[in-house]
Amino acid sequence: MSGPGKGKIKIGKADVYVHLKGESGATVTHIDVELDELNKIIKPGENTYVGAKHGGVFLGLKKEMIERAERLAKKKK
């Protein structure tokens, strides 16, 4: 995990859960990352990909998601 740095704009603190199959409507065990600000970048129903990195994960973004992320980052600066 590399932490804060140039070009990194913090958008909030997420709640992260392991959501177990058969509990609270889950049909498969998965990880939930809950942060309202993420829906300003990745809209409900859109899909992206996730990759592992030391200390965490990263979310790969599609072109339209990148544009929304950049707009959000400019507002947060």
C-alpha atoms as a PDB file:
ATOM      1  CA  MET A   1       0.000   0.000   0.000  1.00  0.00           C
ATOM      2  CA  SER A   2       1.562   3.283  -1.034  1.00  0.00           C
ATOM      3  CA  GLY A   3      -0.668   5.725   0.881  1.00  0.00           C
ATOM      4  CA  PRO A   4      -1.103   9.423   0.091  1.00  0.00           C
ATOM      5  CA  GLY A   5       0.904  10.945  -2.711  1.00  0.00           C
ATOM      6  CA  LYS A   6       0.995  13.417  -5.580  1.00  0.00           C
ATOM      7  CA  GLY A   7      -1.971  12.923  -7.879  1.00  0.00           C
ATOM      8  CA  LYS A   8      -3.987  10.995  -5.267  1.00  0.00           C
ATOM      9  CA  ILE A   9      -7.221  12.676  -4.154  1.00  0.00           C
ATOM     10  CA  LYS A  10      -8.940  11.117  -1.148  1.00  0.00           C
ATOM     11  CA  ILE A  11     -12.697  10.718  -1.695  1.00  0.00           C
ATOM     12  CA  GLY A  12     -13.671   9.205   1.657  1.00  0.00           C
ATOM     13  CA  LYS A  13     -13.415   6.244   3.995  1.00  0.00           C
ATOM     14  CA  ALA A  14     -15.074   3.111   2.678  1.00  0.00           C
ATOM     15  CA  ASP A  15     -16.717   0.336   4.644  1.00  0.00           C
ATOM     16  CA  VAL A  16     -15.473  -3.023   3.361  1.00  0.00           C
ATOM     17  CA  TYR A  17     -17.221  -6.303   4.091  1.00  0.00           C
ATOM     18  CA  VAL A  18     -16.952  -9.979   3.199  1.00  0.00           C
ATOM     19  CA  HIS A  19     -20.574 -10.704   2.233  1.00  0.00           C
ATOM     20  CA  LEU A  20     -21.256 -14.411   2.761  1.00  0.00           C
ATOM     21  CA  LYS A  21     -23.336 -16.494   0.356  1.00  0.00           C
ATOM     22  CA  GLY A  22     -26.840 -17.061   1.680  1.00  0.00           C
ATOM     23  CA  GLU A  23     -26.734 -14.062   4.026  1.00  0.00           C
ATOM     24  CA  SER A  24     -28.553 -10.770   3.343  1.00  0.00           C
ATOM     25  CA  GLY A  25     -29.501 -11.894  -0.159  1.00  0.00           C
ATOM     26  CA  ALA A  26     -26.016 -12.806  -1.425  1.00  0.00           C
ATOM     27  CA  THR A  27     -26.061 -15.605  -4.006  1.00  0.00           C
ATOM     28  CA  VAL A  28     -22.264 -15.871  -3.986  1.00  0.00           C
ATOM     29  CA  THR A  29     -19.661 -14.820  -1.401  1.00  0.00           C
ATOM     30  CA  HIS A  30     -18.099 -11.504  -2.446  1.00  0.00           C
ATOM     31  CA  ILE A  31     -16.541  -8.317  -1.092  1.00  0.00           C
ATOM     32  CA  ASP A  32     -18.645  -5.165  -0.735  1.00  0.00           C
ATOM     33  CA  VAL A  33     -16.910  -1.783  -0.816  1.00  0.00           C
ATOM     34  CA  GLU A  34     -19.461   0.755   0.374  1.00  0.00           C
ATOM     35  CA  LEU A  35     -18.830   4.452  -0.213  1.00  0.00           C
ATOM     36  CA  ASP A  36     -21.437   6.785  -1.729  1.00  0.00           C
ATOM     37  CA  GLU A  37     -18.737   8.768  -3.558  1.00  0.00           C
ATOM     38  CA  LEU A  38     -17.893   5.686  -5.653  1.00  0.00           C
ATOM     39  CA  ASN A  39     -21.320   5.912  -7.321  1.00  0.00           C
ATOM     40  CA  LYS A  40     -20.289   9.295  -8.721  1.00  0.00           C
ATOM     41  CA  ILE A  41     -17.590   7.400 -10.652  1.00  0.00           C
ATOM     42  CA  ILE A  42     -19.051   3.928 -11.177  1.00  0.00           C
ATOM     43  CA  LYS A  43     -22.820   4.102 -11.642  1.00  0.00           C
ATOM     44  CA  PRO A  44     -25.049   1.307 -10.270  1.00  0.00           C
ATOM     45  CA  GLY A  45     -25.286  -1.427 -12.908  1.00  0.00           C
ATOM     46  CA  GLU A  46     -21.931  -0.583 -14.549  1.00  0.00           C
ATOM     47  CA  ASN A  47     -19.086  -3.073 -14.353  1.00  0.00           C
ATOM     48  CA  THR A  48     -15.352  -2.648 -14.078  1.00  0.00           C
ATOM     49  CA  TYR A  49     -12.456  -4.838 -12.998  1.00  0.00           C
ATOM     50  CA  VAL A  50     -10.375  -5.141  -9.872  1.00  0.00           C
ATOM     51  CA  GLY A  51      -6.720  -6.066  -9.504  1.00  0.00           C
ATOM     52  CA  ALA A  52      -4.585  -6.855  -6.517  1.00  0.00           C
ATOM     53  CA  LYS A  53      -1.669  -4.740  -5.349  1.00  0.00           C
ATOM     54  CA  HIS A  54       0.484  -4.877  -2.229  1.00  0.00           C
ATOM     55  CA  GLY A  55      -1.699  -3.828   0.686  1.00  0.00           C
ATOM     56  CA  GLY A  56      -4.989  -3.647  -1.205  1.00  0.00           C
ATOM     57  CA  VAL A  57      -6.679  -3.538  -4.586  1.00  0.00           C
ATOM     58  CA  PHE A  58      -7.233  -1.104  -7.441  1.00  0.00           C
ATOM     59  CA  LEU A  59     -10.315  -0.580  -9.579  1.00  0.00           C
ATOM     60  CA  GLY A  60      -9.713  -0.297 -13.292  1.00  0.00           C
ATOM     61  CA  LEU A  61     -11.964   2.303 -14.915  1.00  0.00           C
ATOM     62  CA  LYS A  62     -13.551   2.558 -18.357  1.00  0.00           C
ATOM     63  CA  LYS A  63     -13.295   5.800 -20.330  1.00  0.00           C
ATOM     64  CA  GLU A  64     -16.561   7.326 -19.086  1.00  0.00           C
ATOM     65  CA  MET A  65     -15.689   6.358 -15.506  1.00  0.00           C
ATOM     66  CA  ILE A  66     -12.272   8.001 -15.853  1.00  0.00           C
ATOM     67  CA  GLU A  67     -13.944  11.222 -16.990  1.00  0.00           C
ATOM     68  CA  ARG A  68     -16.267  11.191 -13.967  1.00  0.00           C
ATOM     69  CA  ALA A  69     -13.352  10.378 -11.621  1.00  0.00           C
ATOM     70  CA  GLU A  70     -11.315  13.281 -12.984  1.00  0.00           C
ATOM     71  CA  ARG A  71     -14.258  15.688 -12.559  1.00  0.00           C
ATOM     72  CA  LEU A  72     -14.796  14.495  -8.979  1.00  0.00           C
ATOM     73  CA  ALA A  73     -11.065  14.812  -8.192  1.00  0.00           C
ATOM     74  CA  LYS A  74     -10.992  18.400  -9.476  1.00  0.00           C
ATOM     75  CA  LYS A  75     -13.888  19.301  -7.174  1.00  0.00           C
ATOM     76  CA  LYS A  76     -12.105  17.690  -4.186  1.00  0.00           C
ATOM     77  CA  LYS A  77      -8.766  19.478  -4.746  1.00  0.00           C
END
